[in-house]
Amino acid sequence: MYDVTLISDTVEDGIRKASFRTCDYVCSSRIDIELDGDTIRRIRFTDGCSGNTQGLAAACAGMKAADVIWRLEGIDCNGRGTSCPDQLARALKKLV
């Protein structure tokens, strides 16, 4: 119900690039993630609250995926049962 859907998952020059479709309960529609090993290199949200998603992506860059999952998993947006940060955590869990 709240899970993300993997769209693509490739490796280029040692960098894993994955894209996920988010569930219908959040404002963002897609999350693109770049990982260098278990470290987040880049995150890009499509749609959603631009300032919030850009801030979230910038704050997570350089962090270990497991640390981001631990911090963001379960965050709820207005009683929806999930949020853009929770969707990011769900996507990362599928990658690590």
PDB file of N, CA and C in Angstrom:
ATOM      1  N   MET A   1       0.818  -1.200   0.000  1.00  0.00           N
ATOM      2  CA  MET A   1       0.000   0.000   0.000  1.00  0.00           C
ATOM      3  C   MET A   1       0.865   1.268   0.000  1.00  0.00           C
ATOM      4  N   TYR A   2       1.851   1.333   0.902  1.00  0.00           N
ATOM      5  CA  TYR A   2       2.719   2.506   0.981  1.00  0.00           C
ATOM      6  C   TYR A   2       4.087   2.265   0.376  1.00  0.00           C
ATOM      7  N   ASP A   3       4.300   1.115  -0.222  1.00  0.00           N
ATOM      8  CA  ASP A   3       5.636   0.761  -0.684  1.00  0.00           C
ATOM      9  C   ASP A   3       5.995   1.489  -1.973  1.00  0.00           C
ATOM     10  N   VAL A   4       7.291   1.638  -2.196  1.00  0.00           N
ATOM     11  CA  VAL A   4       7.814   2.201  -3.439  1.00  0.00           C
ATOM     12  C   VAL A   4       7.985   1.076  -4.454  1.00  0.00           C
ATOM     13  N   THR A   5       8.026   1.441  -5.734  1.00  0.00           N
ATOM     14  CA  THR A   5       8.189   0.469  -6.809  1.00  0.00           C
ATOM     15  C   THR A   5       9.476   0.777  -7.562  1.00  0.00           C
ATOM     16  N   LEU A   6      10.341  -0.208  -7.676  1.00  0.00           N
ATOM     17  CA  LEU A   6      11.592  -0.036  -8.408  1.00  0.00           C
ATOM     18  C   LEU A   6      11.301   0.104  -9.896  1.00  0.00           C
ATOM     19  N   ILE A   7      11.825   1.170 -10.501  1.00  0.00           N
ATOM     20  CA  ILE A   7      11.666   1.415 -11.940  1.00  0.00           C
ATOM     21  C   ILE A   7      12.914   0.953 -12.684  1.00  0.00           C
ATOM     22  N   SER A   8      14.089   1.333 -12.158  1.00  0.00           N
ATOM     23  CA  SER A   8      15.340   0.935 -12.795  1.00  0.00           C
ATOM     24  C   SER A   8      16.441   0.850 -11.743  1.00  0.00           C
ATOM     25  N   ASP A   9      17.463   0.052 -12.053  1.00  0.00           N
ATOM     26  CA  ASP A   9      18.589  -0.143 -11.140  1.00  0.00           C
ATOM     27  C   ASP A   9      19.790  -0.529 -11.992  1.00  0.00           C
ATOM     28  N   THR A  10      20.747   0.401 -12.131  1.00  0.00           N
ATOM     29  CA  THR A  10      21.925   0.167 -12.957  1.00  0.00           C
ATOM     30  C   THR A  10      23.183   0.575 -12.192  1.00  0.00           C
ATOM     31  N   VAL A  11      24.328   0.140 -12.702  1.00  0.00           N
ATOM     32  CA  VAL A  11      25.619   0.550 -12.155  1.00  0.00           C
ATOM     33  C   VAL A  11      26.431   1.136 -13.301  1.00  0.00           C
ATOM     34  N   GLU A  12      26.934   2.373 -13.102  1.00  0.00           N
ATOM     35  CA  GLU A  12      27.774   3.046 -14.089  1.00  0.00           C
ATOM     36  C   GLU A  12      29.021   3.558 -13.382  1.00  0.00           C
ATOM     37  N   ASP A  13      30.179   3.134 -13.824  1.00  0.00           N
ATOM     38  CA  ASP A  13      31.458   3.569 -13.227  1.00  0.00           C
ATOM     39  C   ASP A  13      31.480   3.372 -11.715  1.00  0.00           C
ATOM     40  N   GLY A  14      30.910   2.269 -11.252  1.00  0.00           N
ATOM     41  CA  GLY A  14      30.910   1.950  -9.830  1.00  0.00           C
ATOM     42  C   GLY A  14      29.833   2.645  -9.018  1.00  0.00           C
ATOM     43  N   ILE A  15      29.025   3.481  -9.657  1.00  0.00           N
ATOM     44  CA  ILE A  15      27.952   4.204  -8.971  1.00  0.00           C
ATOM     45  C   ILE A  15      26.622   3.525  -9.289  1.00  0.00           C
ATOM     46  N   ARG A  16      25.918   3.120  -8.250  1.00  0.00           N
ATOM     47  CA  ARG A  16      24.603   2.494  -8.432  1.00  0.00           C
ATOM     48  C   ARG A  16      23.558   3.593  -8.571  1.00  0.00           C
ATOM     49  N   LYS A  17      22.757   3.499  -9.627  1.00  0.00           N
ATOM     50  CA  LYS A  17      21.711   4.480  -9.894  1.00  0.00           C
ATOM     51  C   LYS A  17      20.374   3.742  -9.936  1.00  0.00           C
ATOM     52  N   ALA A  18      19.473   4.130  -9.054  1.00  0.00           N
ATOM     53  CA  ALA A  18      18.173   3.474  -8.980  1.00  0.00           C
ATOM     54  C   ALA A  18      17.068   4.519  -8.966  1.00  0.00           C
ATOM     55  N   SER A  19      15.953   4.167  -9.573  1.00  0.00           N
ATOM     56  CA  SER A  19      14.784   5.044  -9.600  1.00  0.00           C
ATOM     57  C   SER A  19      13.583   4.285  -9.070  1.00  0.00           C
ATOM     58  N   PHE A  20      12.771   4.991  -8.295  1.00  0.00           N
ATOM     59  CA  PHE A  20      11.586   4.396  -7.671  1.00  0.00           C
ATOM     60  C   PHE A  20      10.366   5.274  -7.910  1.00  0.00           C
ATOM     61  N   ARG A  21       9.240   4.629  -8.147  1.00  0.00           N
ATOM     62  CA  ARG A  21       7.955   5.320  -8.162  1.00  0.00           C
ATOM     63  C   ARG A  21       7.433   5.292  -6.736  1.00  0.00           C
ATOM     64  N   THR A  22       6.999   6.433  -6.238  1.00  0.00           N
ATOM     65  CA  THR A  22       6.469   6.499  -4.881  1.00  0.00           C
ATOM     66  C   THR A  22       4.993   6.095  -4.873  1.00  0.00           C
ATOM     67  N   CYS A  23       4.458   5.863  -3.681  1.00  0.00           N
ATOM     68  CA  CYS A  23       3.042   5.512  -3.569  1.00  0.00           C
ATOM     69  C   CYS A  23       2.180   6.753  -3.823  1.00  0.00           C
ATOM     70  N   ASP A  24       0.900   6.560  -3.984  1.00  0.00           N
ATOM     71  CA  ASP A  24      -0.014   7.652  -4.317  1.00  0.00           C
ATOM     72  C   ASP A  24      -0.352   8.567  -3.144  1.00  0.00           C
ATOM     73  N   TYR A  25       0.144   8.280  -1.955  1.00  0.00           N
ATOM     74  CA  TYR A  25      -0.211   9.054  -0.768  1.00  0.00           C
ATOM     75  C   TYR A  25       0.736  10.218  -0.493  1.00  0.00           C
ATOM     76  N   VAL A  26       1.778  10.374  -1.297  1.00  0.00           N
ATOM     77  CA  VAL A  26       2.734  11.461  -1.086  1.00  0.00           C
ATOM     78  C   VAL A  26       2.748  12.390  -2.299  1.00  0.00           C
ATOM     79  N   CYS A  27       3.308  13.570  -2.105  1.00  0.00           N
ATOM     80  CA  CYS A  27       3.340  14.581  -3.165  1.00  0.00           C
ATOM     81  C   CYS A  27       4.368  14.276  -4.250  1.00  0.00           C
ATOM     82  N   SER A  28       5.492  13.675  -3.867  1.00  0.00           N
ATOM     83  CA  SER A  28       6.499  13.336  -4.874  1.00  0.00           C
ATOM     84  C   SER A  28       6.027  12.100  -5.652  1.00  0.00           C
ATOM     85  N   SER A  29       6.466  12.009  -6.898  1.00  0.00           N
ATOM     86  CA  SER A  29       6.044  10.870  -7.729  1.00  0.00           C
ATOM     87  C   SER A  29       7.192   9.907  -8.031  1.00  0.00           C
ATOM     88  N   ARG A  30       8.416  10.378  -7.817  1.00  0.00           N
ATOM     89  CA  ARG A  30       9.581   9.556  -8.160  1.00  0.00           C
ATOM     90  C   ARG A  30      10.768   9.986  -7.309  1.00  0.00           C
ATOM     91  N   ILE A  31      11.635   9.001  -7.007  1.00  0.00           N
ATOM     92  CA  ILE A  31      12.880   9.285  -6.296  1.00  0.00           C
ATOM     93  C   ILE A  31      14.014   8.608  -7.063  1.00  0.00           C
ATOM     94  N   ASP A  32      15.024   9.393  -7.434  1.00  0.00           N
ATOM     95  CA  ASP A  32      16.222   8.876  -8.084  1.00  0.00           C
ATOM     96  C   ASP A  32      17.350   8.932  -7.066  1.00  0.00           C
ATOM     97  N   ILE A  33      18.061   7.810  -6.920  1.00  0.00           N
ATOM     98  CA  ILE A  33      19.100   7.685  -5.904  1.00  0.00           C
ATOM     99  C   ILE A  33      20.400   7.227  -6.560  1.00  0.00           C
ATOM    100  N   GLU A  34      21.514   7.848  -6.161  1.00  0.00           N
ATOM    101  CA  GLU A  34      22.842   7.401  -6.567  1.00  0.00           C
ATOM    102  C   GLU A  34      23.603   6.995  -5.312  1.00  0.00           C
ATOM    103  N   LEU A  35      24.148   5.785  -5.327  1.00  0.00           N
ATOM    104  CA  LEU A  35      24.926   5.267  -4.204  1.00  0.00           C
ATOM    105  C   LEU A  35      26.335   4.921  -4.653  1.00  0.00           C
ATOM    106  N   ASP A  36      27.293   5.273  -3.815  1.00  0.00           N
ATOM    107  CA  ASP A  36      28.678   4.857  -3.997  1.00  0.00           C
ATOM    108  C   ASP A  36      28.951   3.899  -2.848  1.00  0.00           C
ATOM    109  N   GLY A  37      28.833   2.607  -3.120  1.00  0.00           N
ATOM    110  CA  GLY A  37      28.870   1.613  -2.046  1.00  0.00           C
ATOM    111  C   GLY A  37      27.612   1.768  -1.214  1.00  0.00           C
ATOM    112  N   ASP A  38      27.775   2.050   0.087  1.00  0.00           N
ATOM    113  CA  ASP A  38      26.605   2.258   0.929  1.00  0.00           C
ATOM    114  C   ASP A  38      26.431   3.730   1.313  1.00  0.00           C
ATOM    115  N   THR A  39      27.125   4.611   0.585  1.00  0.00           N
ATOM    116  CA  THR A  39      27.053   6.049   0.845  1.00  0.00           C
ATOM    117  C   THR A  39      26.211   6.725  -0.230  1.00  0.00           C
ATOM    118  N   ILE A  40      25.311   7.582   0.203  1.00  0.00           N
ATOM    119  CA  ILE A  40      24.443   8.315  -0.728  1.00  0.00           C
ATOM    120  C   ILE A  40      25.248   9.412  -1.401  1.00  0.00           C
ATOM    121  N   ARG A  41      25.234   9.373  -2.707  1.00  0.00           N
ATOM    122  CA  ARG A  41      25.918  10.390  -3.498  1.00  0.00           C
ATOM    123  C   ARG A  41      24.969  11.509  -3.894  1.00  0.00           C
ATOM    124  N   ARG A  42      23.765  11.109  -4.323  1.00  0.00           N
ATOM    125  CA  ARG A  42      22.799  12.102  -4.806  1.00  0.00           C
ATOM    126  C   ARG A  42      21.398  11.527  -4.707  1.00  0.00           C
ATOM    127  N   ILE A  43      20.447  12.390  -4.384  1.00  0.00           N
ATOM    128  CA  ILE A  43      19.029  12.035  -4.384  1.00  0.00           C
ATOM    129  C   ILE A  43      18.297  13.140  -5.135  1.00  0.00           C
ATOM    130  N   ARG A  44      17.341  12.744  -5.957  1.00  0.00           N
ATOM    131  CA  ARG A  44      16.519  13.728  -6.661  1.00  0.00           C
ATOM    132  C   ARG A  44      15.069  13.277  -6.589  1.00  0.00           C
ATOM    133  N   PHE A  45      14.214  14.156  -6.111  1.00  0.00           N
ATOM    134  CA  PHE A  45      12.779  13.899  -6.067  1.00  0.00           C
ATOM    135  C   PHE A  45      12.121  14.558  -7.268  1.00  0.00           C
ATOM    136  N   THR A  46      11.126  13.907  -7.839  1.00  0.00           N
ATOM    137  CA  THR A  46      10.300  14.498  -8.880  1.00  0.00           C
ATOM    138  C   THR A  46       8.971  14.858  -8.240  1.00  0.00           C
ATOM    139  N   ASP A  47       8.548  16.087  -8.453  1.00  0.00           N
ATOM    140  CA  ASP A  47       7.329  16.634  -7.848  1.00  0.00           C
ATOM    141  C   ASP A  47       7.529  16.790  -6.343  1.00  0.00           C
ATOM    142  N   GLY A  48       6.486  17.025  -5.627  1.00  0.00           N
ATOM    143  CA  GLY A  48       6.591  17.239  -4.190  1.00  0.00           C
ATOM    144  C   GLY A  48       6.882  18.691  -3.860  1.00  0.00           C
ATOM    145  N   CYS A  49       7.070  18.963  -2.600  1.00  0.00           N
ATOM    146  CA  CYS A  49       7.386  20.310  -2.110  1.00  0.00           C
ATOM    147  C   CYS A  49       8.857  20.585  -2.405  1.00  0.00           C
ATOM    148  N   SER A  50       9.117  21.396  -3.391  1.00  0.00           N
ATOM    149  CA  SER A  50      10.465  21.568  -3.929  1.00  0.00           C
ATOM    150  C   SER A  50      11.504  21.902  -2.864  1.00  0.00           C
ATOM    151  N   GLY A  51      11.245  22.878  -2.031  1.00  0.00           N
ATOM    152  CA  GLY A  51      12.222  23.256  -1.010  1.00  0.00           C
ATOM    153  C   GLY A  51      12.477  22.133  -0.026  1.00  0.00           C
ATOM    154  N   ASN A  52      11.411  21.460   0.387  1.00  0.00           N
ATOM    155  CA  ASN A  52      11.563  20.367   1.351  1.00  0.00           C
ATOM    156  C   ASN A  52      12.330  19.196   0.758  1.00  0.00           C
ATOM    157  N   THR A  53      11.981  18.798  -0.464  1.00  0.00           N
ATOM    158  CA  THR A  53      12.654  17.643  -1.049  1.00  0.00           C
ATOM    159  C   THR A  53      14.108  17.974  -1.404  1.00  0.00           C
ATOM    160  N   GLN A  54      14.383  19.203  -1.840  1.00  0.00           N
ATOM    161  CA  GLN A  54      15.771  19.593  -2.104  1.00  0.00           C
ATOM    162  C   GLN A  54      16.579  19.611  -0.809  1.00  0.00           C
ATOM    163  N   GLY A  55      15.981  20.113   0.252  1.00  0.00           N
ATOM    164  CA  GLY A  55      16.656  20.139   1.550  1.00  0.00           C
ATOM    165  C   GLY A  55      16.932  18.746   2.071  1.00  0.00           C
ATOM    166  N   LEU A  56      15.941  17.869   1.936  1.00  0.00           N
ATOM    167  CA  LEU A  56      16.095  16.480   2.370  1.00  0.00           C
ATOM    168  C   LEU A  56      17.217  15.813   1.580  1.00  0.00           C
ATOM    169  N   ALA A  57      17.219  16.009   0.271  1.00  0.00           N
ATOM    170  CA  ALA A  57      18.251  15.407  -0.578  1.00  0.00           C
ATOM    171  C   ALA A  57      19.638  15.924  -0.201  1.00  0.00           C
ATOM    172  N   ALA A  58      19.757  17.229   0.031  1.00  0.00           N
ATOM    173  CA  ALA A  58      21.053  17.806   0.384  1.00  0.00           C
ATOM    174  C   ALA A  58      21.519  17.314   1.752  1.00  0.00           C
ATOM    175  N   ALA A  59      20.601  17.188   2.697  1.00  0.00           N
ATOM    176  CA  ALA A  59      20.966  16.734   4.042  1.00  0.00           C
ATOM    177  C   ALA A  59      21.443  15.280   4.041  1.00  0.00           C
ATOM    178  N   CYS A  60      20.922  14.469   3.126  1.00  0.00           N
ATOM    179  CA  CYS A  60      21.265  13.044   3.084  1.00  0.00           C
ATOM    180  C   CYS A  60      22.534  12.755   2.283  1.00  0.00           C
ATOM    181  N   ALA A  61      22.935  13.661   1.406  1.00  0.00           N
ATOM    182  CA  ALA A  61      24.128  13.442   0.579  1.00  0.00           C
ATOM    183  C   ALA A  61      25.339  13.254   1.474  1.00  0.00           C
ATOM    184  N   GLY A  62      26.096  12.196   1.210  1.00  0.00           N
ATOM    185  CA  GLY A  62      27.289  11.887   1.978  1.00  0.00           C
ATOM    186  C   GLY A  62      27.043  10.991   3.180  1.00  0.00           C
ATOM    187  N   MET A  63      25.788  10.737   3.491  1.00  0.00           N
ATOM    188  CA  MET A  63      25.451   9.878   4.631  1.00  0.00           C
ATOM    189  C   MET A  63      25.393   8.407   4.213  1.00  0.00           C
ATOM    190  N   LYS A  64      25.579   7.527   5.157  1.00  0.00           N
ATOM    191  CA  LYS A  64      25.383   6.095   4.927  1.00  0.00           C
ATOM    192  C   LYS A  64      23.885   5.843   4.782  1.00  0.00           C
ATOM    193  N   ALA A  65      23.524   4.987   3.848  1.00  0.00           N
ATOM    194  CA  ALA A  65      22.113   4.679   3.604  1.00  0.00           C
ATOM    195  C   ALA A  65      21.424   4.173   4.869  1.00  0.00           C
ATOM    196  N   ALA A  66      22.104   3.329   5.638  1.00  0.00           N
ATOM    197  CA  ALA A  66      21.505   2.779   6.858  1.00  0.00           C
ATOM    198  C   ALA A  66      21.174   3.872   7.867  1.00  0.00           C
ATOM    199  N   ASP A  67      22.005   4.898   7.952  1.00  0.00           N
ATOM    200  CA  ASP A  67      21.738   6.007   8.872  1.00  0.00           C
ATOM    201  C   ASP A  67      20.509   6.802   8.437  1.00  0.00           C
ATOM    202  N   VAL A  68      20.372   7.006   7.132  1.00  0.00           N
ATOM    203  CA  VAL A  68      19.211   7.732   6.611  1.00  0.00           C
ATOM    204  C   VAL A  68      17.942   6.923   6.859  1.00  0.00           C
ATOM    205  N   ILE A  69      17.999   5.625   6.612  1.00  0.00           N
ATOM    206  CA  ILE A  69      16.841   4.761   6.879  1.00  0.00           C
ATOM    207  C   ILE A  69      16.442   4.887   8.339  1.00  0.00           C
ATOM    208  N   TRP A  70      17.411   4.802   9.240  1.00  0.00           N
ATOM    209  CA  TRP A  70      17.136   4.860  10.669  1.00  0.00           C
ATOM    210  C   TRP A  70      16.466   6.178  11.057  1.00  0.00           C
ATOM    211  N   ARG A  71      16.893   7.283  10.444  1.00  0.00           N
ATOM    212  CA  ARG A  71      16.351   8.599  10.788  1.00  0.00           C
ATOM    213  C   ARG A  71      14.975   8.867  10.171  1.00  0.00           C
ATOM    214  N   LEU A  72      14.717   8.365   8.975  1.00  0.00           N
ATOM    215  CA  LEU A  72      13.524   8.773   8.231  1.00  0.00           C
ATOM    216  C   LEU A  72      12.382   7.760   8.218  1.00  0.00           C
ATOM    217  N   GLU A  73      12.686   6.502   8.462  1.00  0.00           N
ATOM    218  CA  GLU A  73      11.666   5.458   8.389  1.00  0.00           C
ATOM    219  C   GLU A  73      10.518   5.747   9.366  1.00  0.00           C
ATOM    220  N   GLY A  74       9.303   5.700   8.852  1.00  0.00           N
ATOM    221  CA  GLY A  74       8.118   5.861   9.687  1.00  0.00           C
ATOM    222  C   GLY A  74       7.618   7.284   9.840  1.00  0.00           C
ATOM    223  N   ILE A  75       8.308   8.266   9.263  1.00  0.00           N
ATOM    224  CA  ILE A  75       7.820   9.648   9.343  1.00  0.00           C
ATOM    225  C   ILE A  75       6.505   9.735   8.581  1.00  0.00           C
ATOM    226  N   ASP A  76       5.520  10.333   9.225  1.00  0.00           N
ATOM    227  CA  ASP A  76       4.169  10.420   8.670  1.00  0.00           C
ATOM    228  C   ASP A  76       3.857  11.875   8.283  1.00  0.00           C
ATOM    229  N   CYS A  77       3.167  12.056   7.184  1.00  0.00           N
ATOM    230  CA  CYS A  77       2.761  13.380   6.725  1.00  0.00           C
ATOM    231  C   CYS A  77       1.246  13.515   6.847  1.00  0.00           C
ATOM    232  N   ASN A  78       0.806  14.287   7.800  1.00  0.00           N
ATOM    233  CA  ASN A  78      -0.624  14.600   7.965  1.00  0.00           C
ATOM    234  C   ASN A  78      -1.524  13.370   8.042  1.00  0.00           C
ATOM    235  N   GLY A  79      -1.088  12.333   8.729  1.00  0.00           N
ATOM    236  CA  GLY A  79      -1.920  11.147   8.919  1.00  0.00           C
ATOM    237  C   GLY A  79      -2.061  10.267   7.691  1.00  0.00           C
ATOM    238  N   ARG A  80      -1.185  10.422   6.717  1.00  0.00           N
ATOM    239  CA  ARG A  80      -1.262   9.630   5.481  1.00  0.00           C
ATOM    240  C   ARG A  80      -0.682   8.233   5.629  1.00  0.00           C
ATOM    241  N   GLY A  81       0.074   8.005   6.696  1.00  0.00           N
ATOM    242  CA  GLY A  81       0.704   6.709   6.892  1.00  0.00           C
ATOM    243  C   GLY A  81       2.087   6.610   6.290  1.00  0.00           C
ATOM    244  N   THR A  82       2.512   7.633   5.591  1.00  0.00           N
ATOM    245  CA  THR A  82       3.840   7.698   4.978  1.00  0.00           C
ATOM    246  C   THR A  82       4.146   9.156   4.682  1.00  0.00           C
ATOM    247  N   SER A  83       5.293   9.408   4.079  1.00  0.00           N
ATOM    248  CA  SER A  83       5.722  10.763   3.720  1.00  0.00           C
ATOM    249  C   SER A  83       6.825  10.635   2.679  1.00  0.00           C
ATOM    250  N   CYS A  84       7.267  11.754   2.129  1.00  0.00           N
ATOM    251  CA  CYS A  84       8.391  11.701   1.200  1.00  0.00           C
ATOM    252  C   CYS A  84       9.647  11.165   1.887  1.00  0.00           C
ATOM    253  N   PRO A  85       9.961  11.607   3.134  1.00  0.00           N
ATOM    254  CA  PRO A  85      11.123  11.007   3.810  1.00  0.00           C
ATOM    255  C   PRO A  85      10.953   9.502   4.044  1.00  0.00           C
ATOM    256  N   ASP A  86       9.765   9.067   4.428  1.00  0.00           N
ATOM    257  CA  ASP A  86       9.521   7.640   4.631  1.00  0.00           C
ATOM    258  C   ASP A  86       9.648   6.880   3.313  1.00  0.00           C
ATOM    259  N   GLN A  87       9.197   7.462   2.218  1.00  0.00           N
ATOM    260  CA  GLN A  87       9.324   6.814   0.916  1.00  0.00           C
ATOM    261  C   GLN A  87      10.801   6.663   0.544  1.00  0.00           C
ATOM    262  N   LEU A  88      11.618   7.677   0.865  1.00  0.00           N
ATOM    263  CA  LEU A  88      13.054   7.577   0.629  1.00  0.00           C
ATOM    264  C   LEU A  88      13.642   6.435   1.445  1.00  0.00           C
ATOM    265  N   ALA A  89      13.265   6.329   2.706  1.00  0.00           N
ATOM    266  CA  ALA A  89      13.757   5.239   3.555  1.00  0.00           C
ATOM    267  C   ALA A  89      13.353   3.886   2.976  1.00  0.00           C
ATOM    268  N   ARG A  90      12.130   3.778   2.505  1.00  0.00           N
ATOM    269  CA  ARG A  90      11.656   2.514   1.910  1.00  0.00           C
ATOM    270  C   ARG A  90      12.465   2.170   0.662  1.00  0.00           C
ATOM    271  N   ALA A  91      12.774   3.173  -0.160  1.00  0.00           N
ATOM    272  CA  ALA A  91      13.576   2.944  -1.371  1.00  0.00           C
ATOM    273  C   ALA A  91      14.980   2.484  -0.989  1.00  0.00           C
ATOM    274  N   LEU A  92      15.585   3.157  -0.033  1.00  0.00           N
ATOM    275  CA  LEU A  92      16.932   2.785   0.387  1.00  0.00           C
ATOM    276  C   LEU A  92      16.974   1.377   0.955  1.00  0.00           C
ATOM    277  N   LYS A  93      15.940   0.981   1.678  1.00  0.00           N
ATOM    278  CA  LYS A  93      15.896  -0.376   2.235  1.00  0.00           C
ATOM    279  C   LYS A  93      15.930  -1.425   1.127  1.00  0.00           C
ATOM    280  N   LYS A  94      15.374  -1.101  -0.025  1.00  0.00           N
ATOM    281  CA  LYS A  94      15.384  -2.047  -1.145  1.00  0.00           C
ATOM    282  C   LYS A  94      16.771  -2.141  -1.776  1.00  0.00           C
ATOM    283  N   LEU A  95      17.610  -1.144  -1.528  1.00  0.00           N
ATOM    284  CA  LEU A  95      18.938  -1.114  -2.147  1.00  0.00           C
ATOM    285  C   LEU A  95      20.039  -1.664  -1.251  1.00  0.00           C
ATOM    286  N   VAL A  96      19.850  -1.658   0.045  1.00  0.00           N
ATOM    287  CA  VAL A  96      20.906  -2.122   0.955  1.00  0.00           C
ATOM    288  C   VAL A  96      20.547  -3.438   1.599  1.00  0.00           C
TER     289      VAL A  96
END
